[in-house]
Amino acid sequence: MDHPGVPNAQLVKENTRSAQIYKKSVAEQNSVHLAWDILMSEKFSALRACIYQTESELRRFRQLVVNTVMATDIVDKELQALRKARWEEAFSNVESATTETPTDEDVVSEDRKATI
């Protein structure tokens, strides 16, 4: 959304308004900001009601949106390291199935597989 079609490094080099605000992952952060503002407008209240009903669900949904969009910044070395760490955490130690009810942390860890 609103992607200027040039790499983030170029946006920073040109000192664009977005680069002044976000410093890194400029296009991605700008896209999240714009999309979130649109989603939070009154026009989309019915859609939001379908997506989340609690503050916790809202926070989790925002986290998923941010992680998904930020994963598209394939040049940022810190994000690459984070993705690699998440991949390792998600797939390196395959645990045997248990009959215990999963905790919130288990669910968050499981969901990370989609944002790697």
PDB file of N, CA and C in Angstrom:
ATOM      1  N   MET A   1       0.846  -1.172   0.000  1.00  0.00           N
ATOM      2  CA  MET A   1       0.000   0.000   0.000  1.00  0.00           C
ATOM      3  C   MET A   1       0.889   1.232   0.000  1.00  0.00           C
ATOM      4  N   ASP A   2       0.707   2.105  -0.949  1.00  0.00           N
ATOM      5  CA  ASP A   2       1.465   3.353  -1.063  1.00  0.00           C
ATOM      6  C   ASP A   2       2.961   3.106  -1.212  1.00  0.00           C
ATOM      7  N   HIS A   3       3.356   1.985  -1.807  1.00  0.00           N
ATOM      8  CA  HIS A   3       4.776   1.675  -1.991  1.00  0.00           C
ATOM      9  C   HIS A   3       5.291   2.462  -3.182  1.00  0.00           C
ATOM     10  N   PRO A   4       6.376   3.210  -3.002  1.00  0.00           N
ATOM     11  CA  PRO A   4       6.874   4.051  -4.093  1.00  0.00           C
ATOM     12  C   PRO A   4       7.615   3.290  -5.179  1.00  0.00           C
ATOM     13  N   GLY A   5       7.891   2.017  -4.976  1.00  0.00           N
ATOM     14  CA  GLY A   5       8.521   1.218  -6.015  1.00  0.00           C
ATOM     15  C   GLY A   5      10.030   1.296  -6.051  1.00  0.00           C
ATOM     16  N   VAL A   6      10.631   1.850  -5.032  1.00  0.00           N
ATOM     17  CA  VAL A   6      12.093   1.894  -4.947  1.00  0.00           C
ATOM     18  C   VAL A   6      12.509   1.261  -3.619  1.00  0.00           C
ATOM     19  N   PRO A   7      13.760   0.780  -3.544  1.00  0.00           N
ATOM     20  CA  PRO A   7      14.217   0.149  -2.302  1.00  0.00           C
ATOM     21  C   PRO A   7      14.231   1.130  -1.122  1.00  0.00           C
ATOM     22  N   ASN A   8      14.133   0.570   0.054  1.00  0.00           N
ATOM     23  CA  ASN A   8      14.173   1.392   1.273  1.00  0.00           C
ATOM     24  C   ASN A   8      15.447   2.217   1.357  1.00  0.00           C
ATOM     25  N   ALA A   9      16.578   1.651   0.924  1.00  0.00           N
ATOM     26  CA  ALA A   9      17.846   2.383   0.966  1.00  0.00           C
ATOM     27  C   ALA A   9      17.762   3.666   0.135  1.00  0.00           C
ATOM     28  N   GLN A  10      17.051   3.608  -0.981  1.00  0.00           N
ATOM     29  CA  GLN A  10      16.882   4.797  -1.820  1.00  0.00           C
ATOM     30  C   GLN A  10      15.995   5.828  -1.123  1.00  0.00           C
ATOM     31  N   LEU A  11      14.964   5.352  -0.453  1.00  0.00           N
ATOM     32  CA  LEU A  11      14.086   6.271   0.284  1.00  0.00           C
ATOM     33  C   LEU A  11      14.861   6.994   1.377  1.00  0.00           C
ATOM     34  N   VAL A  12      15.743   6.248   2.061  1.00  0.00           N
ATOM     35  CA  VAL A  12      16.574   6.847   3.112  1.00  0.00           C
ATOM     36  C   VAL A  12      17.563   7.824   2.494  1.00  0.00           C
ATOM     37  N   LYS A  13      18.190   7.422   1.385  1.00  0.00           N
ATOM     38  CA  LYS A  13      19.162   8.279   0.698  1.00  0.00           C
ATOM     39  C   LYS A  13      18.519   9.592   0.248  1.00  0.00           C
ATOM     40  N   GLU A  14      17.275   9.495  -0.249  1.00  0.00           N
ATOM     41  CA  GLU A  14      16.562  10.689  -0.708  1.00  0.00           C
ATOM     42  C   GLU A  14      15.927  11.462   0.442  1.00  0.00           C
ATOM     43  N   ASN A  15      16.027  10.909   1.651  1.00  0.00           N
ATOM     44  CA  ASN A  15      15.484  11.545   2.857  1.00  0.00           C
ATOM     45  C   ASN A  15      14.000  11.893   2.694  1.00  0.00           C
ATOM     46  N   THR A  16      13.243  10.919   2.189  1.00  0.00           N
ATOM     47  CA  THR A  16      11.806  11.131   2.000  1.00  0.00           C
ATOM     48  C   THR A  16      11.114  11.321   3.350  1.00  0.00           C
ATOM     49  N   ARG A  17       9.897  11.821   3.299  1.00  0.00           N
ATOM     50  CA  ARG A  17       9.116  12.028   4.532  1.00  0.00           C
ATOM     51  C   ARG A  17       8.983  10.724   5.310  1.00  0.00           C
ATOM     52  N   SER A  18       8.690   9.628   4.603  1.00  0.00           N
ATOM     53  CA  SER A  18       8.552   8.328   5.265  1.00  0.00           C
ATOM     54  C   SER A  18       9.866   7.881   5.897  1.00  0.00           C
ATOM     55  N   ALA A  19      10.978   8.130   5.213  1.00  0.00           N
ATOM     56  CA  ALA A  19      12.290   7.754   5.743  1.00  0.00           C
ATOM     57  C   ALA A  19      12.621   8.548   6.997  1.00  0.00           C
ATOM     58  N   GLN A  20      12.193   9.789   7.043  1.00  0.00           N
ATOM     59  CA  GLN A  20      12.421  10.610   8.231  1.00  0.00           C
ATOM     60  C   GLN A  20      11.636  10.076   9.427  1.00  0.00           C
ATOM     61  N   ILE A  21      10.471   9.517   9.148  1.00  0.00           N
ATOM     62  CA  ILE A  21       9.619   8.996  10.220  1.00  0.00           C
ATOM     63  C   ILE A  21      10.082   7.624  10.684  1.00  0.00           C
ATOM     64  N   TYR A  22      10.352   6.715   9.740  1.00  0.00           N
ATOM     65  CA  TYR A  22      10.545   5.301  10.076  1.00  0.00           C
ATOM     66  C   TYR A  22      11.996   4.845  10.150  1.00  0.00           C
ATOM     67  N   LYS A  23      12.914   5.492   9.472  1.00  0.00           N
ATOM     68  CA  LYS A  23      14.344   5.183   9.496  1.00  0.00           C
ATOM     69  C   LYS A  23      14.731   3.864   8.828  1.00  0.00           C
ATOM     70  N   LYS A  24      14.027   2.751   9.089  1.00  0.00           N
ATOM     71  CA  LYS A  24      14.335   1.468   8.449  1.00  0.00           C
ATOM     72  C   LYS A  24      13.040   0.759   8.119  1.00  0.00           C
ATOM     73  N   SER A  25      13.108  -0.159   7.155  1.00  0.00           N
ATOM     74  CA  SER A  25      11.894  -0.829   6.656  1.00  0.00           C
ATOM     75  C   SER A  25      10.834   0.224   6.359  1.00  0.00           C
ATOM     76  N   VAL A  26      11.275   1.254   5.687  1.00  0.00           N
ATOM     77  CA  VAL A  26      10.457   2.455   5.468  1.00  0.00           C
ATOM     78  C   VAL A  26       9.146   2.138   4.749  1.00  0.00           C
ATOM     79  N   ALA A  27       9.240   1.498   3.598  1.00  0.00           N
ATOM     80  CA  ALA A  27       8.034   1.223   2.810  1.00  0.00           C
ATOM     81  C   ALA A  27       7.091   0.293   3.565  1.00  0.00           C
ATOM     82  N   GLU A  28       7.660  -0.704   4.236  1.00  0.00           N
ATOM     83  CA  GLU A  28       6.836  -1.670   4.967  1.00  0.00           C
ATOM     84  C   GLU A  28       6.111  -1.000   6.144  1.00  0.00           C
ATOM     85  N   GLN A  29       6.842  -0.208   6.922  1.00  0.00           N
ATOM     86  CA  GLN A  29       6.211   0.453   8.060  1.00  0.00           C
ATOM     87  C   GLN A  29       5.150   1.461   7.610  1.00  0.00           C
ATOM     88  N   ASN A  30       5.437   2.157   6.517  1.00  0.00           N
ATOM     89  CA  ASN A  30       4.465   3.096   5.983  1.00  0.00           C
ATOM     90  C   ASN A  30       3.194   2.370   5.545  1.00  0.00           C
ATOM     91  N   SER A  31       3.366   1.214   4.904  1.00  0.00           N
ATOM     92  CA  SER A  31       2.210   0.428   4.458  1.00  0.00           C
ATOM     93  C   SER A  31       1.367  -0.033   5.635  1.00  0.00           C
ATOM     94  N   VAL A  32       2.015  -0.519   6.683  1.00  0.00           N
ATOM     95  CA  VAL A  32       1.277  -0.948   7.881  1.00  0.00           C
ATOM     96  C   VAL A  32       0.514   0.234   8.472  1.00  0.00           C
ATOM     97  N   HIS A  33       1.184   1.361   8.581  1.00  0.00           N
ATOM     98  CA  HIS A  33       0.547   2.551   9.167  1.00  0.00           C
ATOM     99  C   HIS A  33      -0.701   2.961   8.379  1.00  0.00           C
ATOM    100  N   LEU A  34      -0.564   3.055   7.066  1.00  0.00           N
ATOM    101  CA  LEU A  34      -1.701   3.467   6.238  1.00  0.00           C
ATOM    102  C   LEU A  34      -2.838   2.448   6.280  1.00  0.00           C
ATOM    103  N   ALA A  35      -2.480   1.172   6.145  1.00  0.00           N
ATOM    104  CA  ALA A  35      -3.516   0.127   6.155  1.00  0.00           C
ATOM    105  C   ALA A  35      -4.235   0.086   7.492  1.00  0.00           C
ATOM    106  N   TRP A  36      -3.488   0.245   8.585  1.00  0.00           N
ATOM    107  CA  TRP A  36      -4.103   0.204   9.917  1.00  0.00           C
ATOM    108  C   TRP A  36      -5.044   1.390  10.108  1.00  0.00           C
ATOM    109  N   ASP A  37      -4.625   2.557   9.658  1.00  0.00           N
ATOM    110  CA  ASP A  37      -5.502   3.737   9.756  1.00  0.00           C
ATOM    111  C   ASP A  37      -6.808   3.512   8.999  1.00  0.00           C
ATOM    112  N   ILE A  38      -6.719   2.924   7.822  1.00  0.00           N
ATOM    113  CA  ILE A  38      -7.923   2.646   7.033  1.00  0.00           C
ATOM    114  C   ILE A  38      -8.802   1.628   7.743  1.00  0.00           C
ATOM    115  N   LEU A  39      -8.197   0.543   8.222  1.00  0.00           N
ATOM    116  CA  LEU A  39      -8.967  -0.490   8.913  1.00  0.00           C
ATOM    117  C   LEU A  39      -9.652   0.067  10.158  1.00  0.00           C
ATOM    118  N   MET A  40      -9.032   0.997  10.849  1.00  0.00           N
ATOM    119  CA  MET A  40      -9.592   1.547  12.083  1.00  0.00           C
ATOM    120  C   MET A  40     -10.645   2.635  11.828  1.00  0.00           C
ATOM    121  N   SER A  41     -10.836   3.004  10.574  1.00  0.00           N
ATOM    122  CA  SER A  41     -11.854   4.018  10.283  1.00  0.00           C
ATOM    123  C   SER A  41     -13.254   3.434  10.509  1.00  0.00           C
ATOM    124  N   GLU A  42     -14.198   4.311  10.761  1.00  0.00           N
ATOM    125  CA  GLU A  42     -15.576   3.897  11.052  1.00  0.00           C
ATOM    126  C   GLU A  42     -16.158   3.050   9.923  1.00  0.00           C
ATOM    127  N   LYS A  43     -15.740   3.314   8.720  1.00  0.00           N
ATOM    128  CA  LYS A  43     -16.250   2.604   7.551  1.00  0.00           C
ATOM    129  C   LYS A  43     -16.071   1.084   7.658  1.00  0.00           C
ATOM    130  N   PHE A  44     -15.060   0.649   8.406  1.00  0.00           N
ATOM    131  CA  PHE A  44     -14.742  -0.772   8.503  1.00  0.00           C
ATOM    132  C   PHE A  44     -15.053  -1.382   9.873  1.00  0.00           C
ATOM    133  N   SER A  45     -15.948  -0.772  10.609  1.00  0.00           N
ATOM    134  CA  SER A  45     -16.274  -1.283  11.949  1.00  0.00           C
ATOM    135  C   SER A  45     -16.854  -2.699  11.899  1.00  0.00           C
ATOM    136  N   ALA A  46     -17.672  -2.999  10.905  1.00  0.00           N
ATOM    137  CA  ALA A  46     -18.254  -4.348  10.795  1.00  0.00           C
ATOM    138  C   ALA A  46     -17.165  -5.380  10.503  1.00  0.00           C
ATOM    139  N   LEU A  47     -16.221  -5.037   9.664  1.00  0.00           N
ATOM    140  CA  LEU A  47     -15.111  -5.940   9.375  1.00  0.00           C
ATOM    141  C   LEU A  47     -14.283  -6.180  10.633  1.00  0.00           C
ATOM    142  N   ARG A  48     -13.990  -5.111  11.368  1.00  0.00           N
ATOM    143  CA  ARG A  48     -13.215  -5.264  12.607  1.00  0.00           C
ATOM    144  C   ARG A  48     -13.935  -6.173  13.591  1.00  0.00           C
ATOM    145  N   ALA A  49     -15.240  -6.066  13.653  1.00  0.00           N
ATOM    146  CA  ALA A  49     -16.013  -6.924  14.562  1.00  0.00           C
ATOM    147  C   ALA A  49     -15.891  -8.396  14.191  1.00  0.00           C
ATOM    148  N   CYS A  50     -15.666  -8.678  12.912  1.00  0.00           N
ATOM    149  CA  CYS A  50     -15.458 -10.062  12.474  1.00  0.00           C
ATOM    150  C   CYS A  50     -14.043 -10.544  12.780  1.00  0.00           C
ATOM    151  N   ILE A  51     -13.094  -9.629  12.794  1.00  0.00           N
ATOM    152  CA  ILE A  51     -11.687  -9.982  12.985  1.00  0.00           C
ATOM    153  C   ILE A  51     -11.358 -10.195  14.457  1.00  0.00           C
ATOM    154  N   TYR A  52     -11.860  -9.337  15.321  1.00  0.00           N
ATOM    155  CA  TYR A  52     -11.549  -9.439  16.749  1.00  0.00           C
ATOM    156  C   TYR A  52     -12.720  -8.943  17.581  1.00  0.00           C
ATOM    157  N   GLN A  53     -12.811  -9.510  18.779  1.00  0.00           N
ATOM    158  CA  GLN A  53     -13.840  -9.077  19.719  1.00  0.00           C
ATOM    159  C   GLN A  53     -13.254  -8.532  21.014  1.00  0.00           C
ATOM    160  N   THR A  54     -11.995  -8.838  21.302  1.00  0.00           N
ATOM    161  CA  THR A  54     -11.377  -8.398  22.555  1.00  0.00           C
ATOM    162  C   THR A  54     -10.103  -7.614  22.264  1.00  0.00           C
ATOM    163  N   GLU A  55      -9.640  -6.887  23.279  1.00  0.00           N
ATOM    164  CA  GLU A  55      -8.376  -6.155  23.156  1.00  0.00           C
ATOM    165  C   GLU A  55      -7.223  -7.106  22.860  1.00  0.00           C
ATOM    166  N   SER A  56      -7.244  -8.266  23.485  1.00  0.00           N
ATOM    167  CA  SER A  56      -6.200  -9.264  23.277  1.00  0.00           C
ATOM    168  C   SER A  56      -6.193  -9.741  21.825  1.00  0.00           C
ATOM    169  N   GLU A  57      -7.354 -10.007  21.278  1.00  0.00           N
ATOM    170  CA  GLU A  57      -7.444 -10.425  19.876  1.00  0.00           C
ATOM    171  C   GLU A  57      -6.995  -9.308  18.939  1.00  0.00           C
ATOM    172  N   LEU A  58      -7.307  -8.059  19.281  1.00  0.00           N
ATOM    173  CA  LEU A  58      -6.862  -6.908  18.483  1.00  0.00           C
ATOM    174  C   LEU A  58      -5.341  -6.833  18.484  1.00  0.00           C
ATOM    175  N   ARG A  59      -4.724  -6.952  19.665  1.00  0.00           N
ATOM    176  CA  ARG A  59      -3.262  -6.907  19.743  1.00  0.00           C
ATOM    177  C   ARG A  59      -2.635  -8.034  18.939  1.00  0.00           C
ATOM    178  N   ARG A  60      -3.211  -9.224  19.050  1.00  0.00           N
ATOM    179  CA  ARG A  60      -2.677 -10.376  18.320  1.00  0.00           C
ATOM    180  C   ARG A  60      -2.822 -10.177  16.804  1.00  0.00           C
ATOM    181  N   PHE A  61      -3.964  -9.662  16.381  1.00  0.00           N
ATOM    182  CA  PHE A  61      -4.175  -9.404  14.962  1.00  0.00           C
ATOM    183  C   PHE A  61      -3.173  -8.367  14.449  1.00  0.00           C
ATOM    184  N   ARG A  62      -2.978  -7.291  15.208  1.00  0.00           N
ATOM    185  CA  ARG A  62      -2.011  -6.266  14.789  1.00  0.00           C
ATOM    186  C   ARG A  62      -0.611  -6.868  14.699  1.00  0.00           C
ATOM    187  N   GLN A  63      -0.257  -7.703  15.670  1.00  0.00           N
ATOM    188  CA  GLN A  63       1.041  -8.356  15.648  1.00  0.00           C
ATOM    189  C   GLN A  63       1.208  -9.191  14.377  1.00  0.00           C
ATOM    190  N   LEU A  64       0.180  -9.925  13.998  1.00  0.00           N
ATOM    191  CA  LEU A  64       0.231 -10.734  12.779  1.00  0.00           C
ATOM    192  C   LEU A  64       0.378  -9.863  11.535  1.00  0.00           C
ATOM    193  N   VAL A  65      -0.360  -8.769  11.490  1.00  0.00           N
ATOM    194  CA  VAL A  65      -0.269  -7.862  10.342  1.00  0.00           C
ATOM    195  C   VAL A  65       1.144  -7.286  10.241  1.00  0.00           C
ATOM    196  N   VAL A  66       1.649  -6.776  11.346  1.00  0.00           N
ATOM    197  CA  VAL A  66       2.986  -6.173  11.348  1.00  0.00           C
ATOM    198  C   VAL A  66       4.038  -7.210  10.958  1.00  0.00           C
ATOM    199  N   ASN A  67       3.999  -8.375  11.585  1.00  0.00           N
ATOM    200  CA  ASN A  67       4.989  -9.415  11.274  1.00  0.00           C
ATOM    201  C   ASN A  67       4.921  -9.845   9.813  1.00  0.00           C
ATOM    202  N   THR A  68       3.725  -9.966   9.288  1.00  0.00           N
ATOM    203  CA  THR A  68       3.566 -10.393   7.899  1.00  0.00           C
ATOM    204  C   THR A  68       4.136  -9.356   6.935  1.00  0.00           C
ATOM    205  N   VAL A  69       3.827  -8.109   7.145  1.00  0.00           N
ATOM    206  CA  VAL A  69       4.323  -7.061   6.250  1.00  0.00           C
ATOM    207  C   VAL A  69       5.829  -6.876   6.424  1.00  0.00           C
ATOM    208  N   MET A  70       6.311  -6.880   7.665  1.00  0.00           N
ATOM    209  CA  MET A  70       7.741  -6.694   7.890  1.00  0.00           C
ATOM    210  C   MET A  70       8.557  -7.844   7.303  1.00  0.00           C
ATOM    211  N   ALA A  71       7.972  -9.012   7.210  1.00  0.00           N
ATOM    212  CA  ALA A  71       8.675 -10.152   6.621  1.00  0.00           C
ATOM    213  C   ALA A  71       8.984  -9.925   5.144  1.00  0.00           C
ATOM    214  N   THR A  72       8.340  -8.960   4.531  1.00  0.00           N
ATOM    215  CA  THR A  72       8.602  -8.682   3.120  1.00  0.00           C
ATOM    216  C   THR A  72       9.853  -7.838   2.924  1.00  0.00           C
ATOM    217  N   ASP A  73      10.416  -7.296   4.003  1.00  0.00           N
ATOM    218  CA  ASP A  73      11.676  -6.550   3.897  1.00  0.00           C
ATOM    219  C   ASP A  73      12.816  -7.557   3.956  1.00  0.00           C
ATOM    220  N   ILE A  74      13.204  -8.037   2.788  1.00  0.00           N
ATOM    221  CA  ILE A  74      14.190  -9.116   2.720  1.00  0.00           C
ATOM    222  C   ILE A  74      15.625  -8.604   2.769  1.00  0.00           C
ATOM    223  N   VAL A  75      15.834  -7.302   2.774  1.00  0.00           N
ATOM    224  CA  VAL A  75      17.177  -6.743   2.772  1.00  0.00           C
ATOM    225  C   VAL A  75      17.685  -6.468   4.189  1.00  0.00           C
ATOM    226  N   ASP A  76      16.812  -6.131   5.113  1.00  0.00           N
ATOM    227  CA  ASP A  76      17.207  -5.766   6.470  1.00  0.00           C
ATOM    228  C   ASP A  76      17.862  -6.952   7.187  1.00  0.00           C
ATOM    229  N   LYS A  77      19.114  -6.788   7.577  1.00  0.00           N
ATOM    230  CA  LYS A  77      19.882  -7.876   8.198  1.00  0.00           C
ATOM    231  C   LYS A  77      19.323  -8.279   9.561  1.00  0.00           C
ATOM    232  N   GLU A  78      18.866  -7.306  10.345  1.00  0.00           N
ATOM    233  CA  GLU A  78      18.291  -7.623  11.653  1.00  0.00           C
ATOM    234  C   GLU A  78      17.020  -8.453  11.492  1.00  0.00           C
ATOM    235  N   LEU A  79      16.187  -8.081  10.541  1.00  0.00           N
ATOM    236  CA  LEU A  79      14.966  -8.846  10.302  1.00  0.00           C
ATOM    237  C   LEU A  79      15.286 -10.236   9.767  1.00  0.00           C
ATOM    238  N   GLN A  80      16.330 -10.336   8.934  1.00  0.00           N
ATOM    239  CA  GLN A  80      16.748 -11.654   8.455  1.00  0.00           C
ATOM    240  C   GLN A  80      17.160 -12.538   9.623  1.00  0.00           C
ATOM    241  N   ALA A  81      17.928 -11.976  10.552  1.00  0.00           N
ATOM    242  CA  ALA A  81      18.366 -12.741  11.725  1.00  0.00           C
ATOM    243  C   ALA A  81      17.165 -13.151  12.575  1.00  0.00           C
ATOM    244  N   LEU A  82      16.209 -12.244  12.730  1.00  0.00           N
ATOM    245  CA  LEU A  82      14.999 -12.563  13.499  1.00  0.00           C
ATOM    246  C   LEU A  82      14.202 -13.668  12.822  1.00  0.00           C
ATOM    247  N   ARG A  83      14.056 -13.585  11.489  1.00  0.00           N
ATOM    248  CA  ARG A  83      13.337 -14.635  10.762  1.00  0.00           C
ATOM    249  C   ARG A  83      14.041 -15.977  10.905  1.00  0.00           C
ATOM    250  N   LYS A  84      15.359 -15.958  10.807  1.00  0.00           N
ATOM    251  CA  LYS A  84      16.114 -17.202  10.935  1.00  0.00           C
ATOM    252  C   LYS A  84      15.940 -17.784  12.338  1.00  0.00           C
ATOM    253  N   ALA A  85      15.989 -16.936  13.357  1.00  0.00           N
ATOM    254  CA  ALA A  85      15.804 -17.406  14.734  1.00  0.00           C
ATOM    255  C   ALA A  85      14.404 -17.976  14.922  1.00  0.00           C
ATOM    256  N   ARG A  86      13.409 -17.310  14.362  1.00  0.00           N
ATOM    257  CA  ARG A  86      12.037 -17.822  14.459  1.00  0.00           C
ATOM    258  C   ARG A  86      11.904 -19.166  13.747  1.00  0.00           C
ATOM    259  N   TRP A  87      12.550 -19.272  12.597  1.00  0.00           N
ATOM    260  CA  TRP A  87      12.513 -20.535  11.846  1.00  0.00           C
ATOM    261  C   TRP A  87      13.112 -21.653  12.694  1.00  0.00           C
ATOM    262  N   GLU A  88      14.268 -21.380  13.251  1.00  0.00           N
ATOM    263  CA  GLU A  88      14.928 -22.380  14.094  1.00  0.00           C
ATOM    264  C   GLU A  88      14.056 -22.753  15.287  1.00  0.00           C
ATOM    265  N   GLU A  89      13.481 -21.754  15.920  1.00  0.00           N
ATOM    266  CA  GLU A  89      12.625 -22.014  17.076  1.00  0.00           C
ATOM    267  C   GLU A  89      11.401 -22.829  16.687  1.00  0.00           C
ATOM    268  N   ALA A  90      10.848 -22.518  15.537  1.00  0.00           N
ATOM    269  CA  ALA A  90       9.623 -23.189  15.110  1.00  0.00           C
ATOM    270  C   ALA A  90       9.862 -24.613  14.631  1.00  0.00           C
ATOM    271  N   PHE A  91      11.012 -24.867  13.998  1.00  0.00           N
ATOM    272  CA  PHE A  91      11.178 -26.151  13.321  1.00  0.00           C
ATOM    273  C   PHE A  91      12.340 -27.021  13.795  1.00  0.00           C
ATOM    274  N   SER A  92      13.256 -26.490  14.591  1.00  0.00           N
ATOM    275  CA  SER A  92      14.435 -27.276  14.932  1.00  0.00           C
ATOM    276  C   SER A  92      14.152 -28.390  15.928  1.00  0.00           C
ATOM    277  N   ASN A  93      13.335 -28.143  16.931  1.00  0.00           N
ATOM    278  CA  ASN A  93      13.041 -29.149  17.949  1.00  0.00           C
ATOM    279  C   ASN A  93      11.597 -29.592  17.826  1.00  0.00           C
ATOM    280  N   VAL A  94      11.385 -30.587  17.022  1.00  0.00           N
ATOM    281  CA  VAL A  94      10.027 -31.097  16.869  1.00  0.00           C
ATOM    282  C   VAL A  94       9.704 -31.889  18.127  1.00  0.00           C
ATOM    283  N   GLU A  95       8.749 -31.379  18.892  1.00  0.00           N
ATOM    284  CA  GLU A  95       8.378 -32.024  20.143  1.00  0.00           C
ATOM    285  C   GLU A  95       7.308 -33.075  19.879  1.00  0.00           C
ATOM    286  N   SER A  96       7.311 -34.076  20.711  1.00  0.00           N
ATOM    287  CA  SER A  96       6.274 -35.095  20.578  1.00  0.00           C
ATOM    288  C   SER A  96       4.948 -34.510  21.023  1.00  0.00           C
ATOM    289  N   ALA A  97       3.893 -34.999  20.441  1.00  0.00           N
ATOM    290  CA  ALA A  97       2.561 -34.508  20.758  1.00  0.00           C
ATOM    291  C   ALA A  97       2.226 -34.826  22.207  1.00  0.00           C
ATOM    292  N   THR A  98       1.606 -33.870  22.871  1.00  0.00           N
ATOM    293  CA  THR A  98       1.179 -34.081  24.254  1.00  0.00           C
ATOM    294  C   THR A  98      -0.314 -33.884  24.333  1.00  0.00           C
ATOM    295  N   THR A  99      -0.870 -34.321  25.426  1.00  0.00           N
ATOM    296  CA  THR A  99      -2.306 -34.161  25.615  1.00  0.00           C
ATOM    297  C   THR A  99      -2.620 -32.905  26.414  1.00  0.00           C
ATOM    298  N   GLU A 100      -1.578 -32.145  26.774  1.00  0.00           N
ATOM    299  CA  GLU A 100      -1.794 -30.924  27.538  1.00  0.00           C
ATOM    300  C   GLU A 100      -2.444 -29.859  26.658  1.00  0.00           C
ATOM    301  N   THR A 101      -3.210 -29.000  27.293  1.00  0.00           N
ATOM    302  CA  THR A 101      -3.805 -27.879  26.582  1.00  0.00           C
ATOM    303  C   THR A 101      -2.704 -26.872  26.275  1.00  0.00           C
ATOM    304  N   PRO A 102      -2.614 -26.390  25.031  1.00  0.00           N
ATOM    305  CA  PRO A 102      -1.544 -25.443  24.690  1.00  0.00           C
ATOM    306  C   PRO A 102      -1.712 -24.124  25.438  1.00  0.00           C
ATOM    307  N   THR A 103      -0.605 -23.521  25.821  1.00  0.00           N
ATOM    308  CA  THR A 103      -0.620 -22.219  26.477  1.00  0.00           C
ATOM    309  C   THR A 103      -0.673 -21.132  25.415  1.00  0.00           C
ATOM    310  N   ASP A 104      -0.893 -19.885  25.849  1.00  0.00           N
ATOM    311  CA  ASP A 104      -0.878 -18.762  24.913  1.00  0.00           C
ATOM    312  C   ASP A 104       0.477 -18.670  24.219  1.00  0.00           C
ATOM    313  N   GLU A 105       1.553 -18.948  24.965  1.00  0.00           N
ATOM    314  CA  GLU A 105       2.888 -18.899  24.373  1.00  0.00           C
ATOM    315  C   GLU A 105       3.058 -19.976  23.304  1.00  0.00           C
ATOM    316  N   ASP A 106       2.490 -21.154  23.529  1.00  0.00           N
ATOM    317  CA  ASP A 106       2.543 -22.213  22.523  1.00  0.00           C
ATOM    318  C   ASP A 106       1.843 -21.769  21.251  1.00  0.00           C
ATOM    319  N   VAL A 107       0.705 -21.123  21.410  1.00  0.00           N
ATOM    320  CA  VAL A 107      -0.068 -20.666  20.255  1.00  0.00           C
ATOM    321  C   VAL A 107       0.708 -19.596  19.505  1.00  0.00           C
ATOM    322  N   VAL A 108       1.306 -18.641  20.229  1.00  0.00           N
ATOM    323  CA  VAL A 108       2.093 -17.589  19.596  1.00  0.00           C
ATOM    324  C   VAL A 108       3.259 -18.203  18.846  1.00  0.00           C
ATOM    325  N   SER A 109       3.948 -19.164  19.460  1.00  0.00           N
ATOM    326  CA  SER A 109       5.078 -19.812  18.810  1.00  0.00           C
ATOM    327  C   SER A 109       4.613 -20.539  17.543  1.00  0.00           C
ATOM    328  N   GLU A 110       3.496 -21.217  17.614  1.00  0.00           N
ATOM    329  CA  GLU A 110       2.950 -21.931  16.463  1.00  0.00           C
ATOM    330  C   GLU A 110       2.604 -20.949  15.349  1.00  0.00           C
ATOM    331  N   ASP A 111       2.025 -19.791  15.714  1.00  0.00           N
ATOM    332  CA  ASP A 111       1.618 -18.813  14.723  1.00  0.00           C
ATOM    333  C   ASP A 111       2.812 -18.176  14.018  1.00  0.00           C
ATOM    334  N   ARG A 112       3.967 -18.167  14.653  1.00  0.00           N
ATOM    335  CA  ARG A 112       5.142 -17.562  14.049  1.00  0.00           C
ATOM    336  C   ARG A 112       5.537 -18.256  12.753  1.00  0.00           C
ATOM    337  N   LYS A 113       5.181 -19.499  12.631  1.00  0.00           N
ATOM    338  CA  LYS A 113       5.546 -20.234  11.425  1.00  0.00           C
ATOM    339  C   LYS A 113       4.999 -19.542  10.181  1.00  0.00           C
ATOM    340  N   ALA A 114       3.885 -18.871  10.324  1.00  0.00           N
ATOM    341  CA  ALA A 114       3.272 -18.183   9.187  1.00  0.00           C
ATOM    342  C   ALA A 114       3.939 -16.856   8.883  1.00  0.00           C
ATOM    343  N   THR A 115       4.761 -16.336   9.805  1.00  0.00           N
ATOM    344  CA  THR A 115       5.357 -15.017   9.600  1.00  0.00           C
ATOM    345  C   THR A 115       6.852 -15.083   9.390  1.00  0.00           C
ATOM    346  N   ILE A 116       7.382 -16.256   9.140  1.00  0.00           N
ATOM    347  CA  ILE A 116       8.824 -16.398   8.978  1.00  0.00           C
ATOM    348  C   ILE A 116       9.219 -15.961   7.578  1.00  0.00           C
TER     349      ILE A 116
END
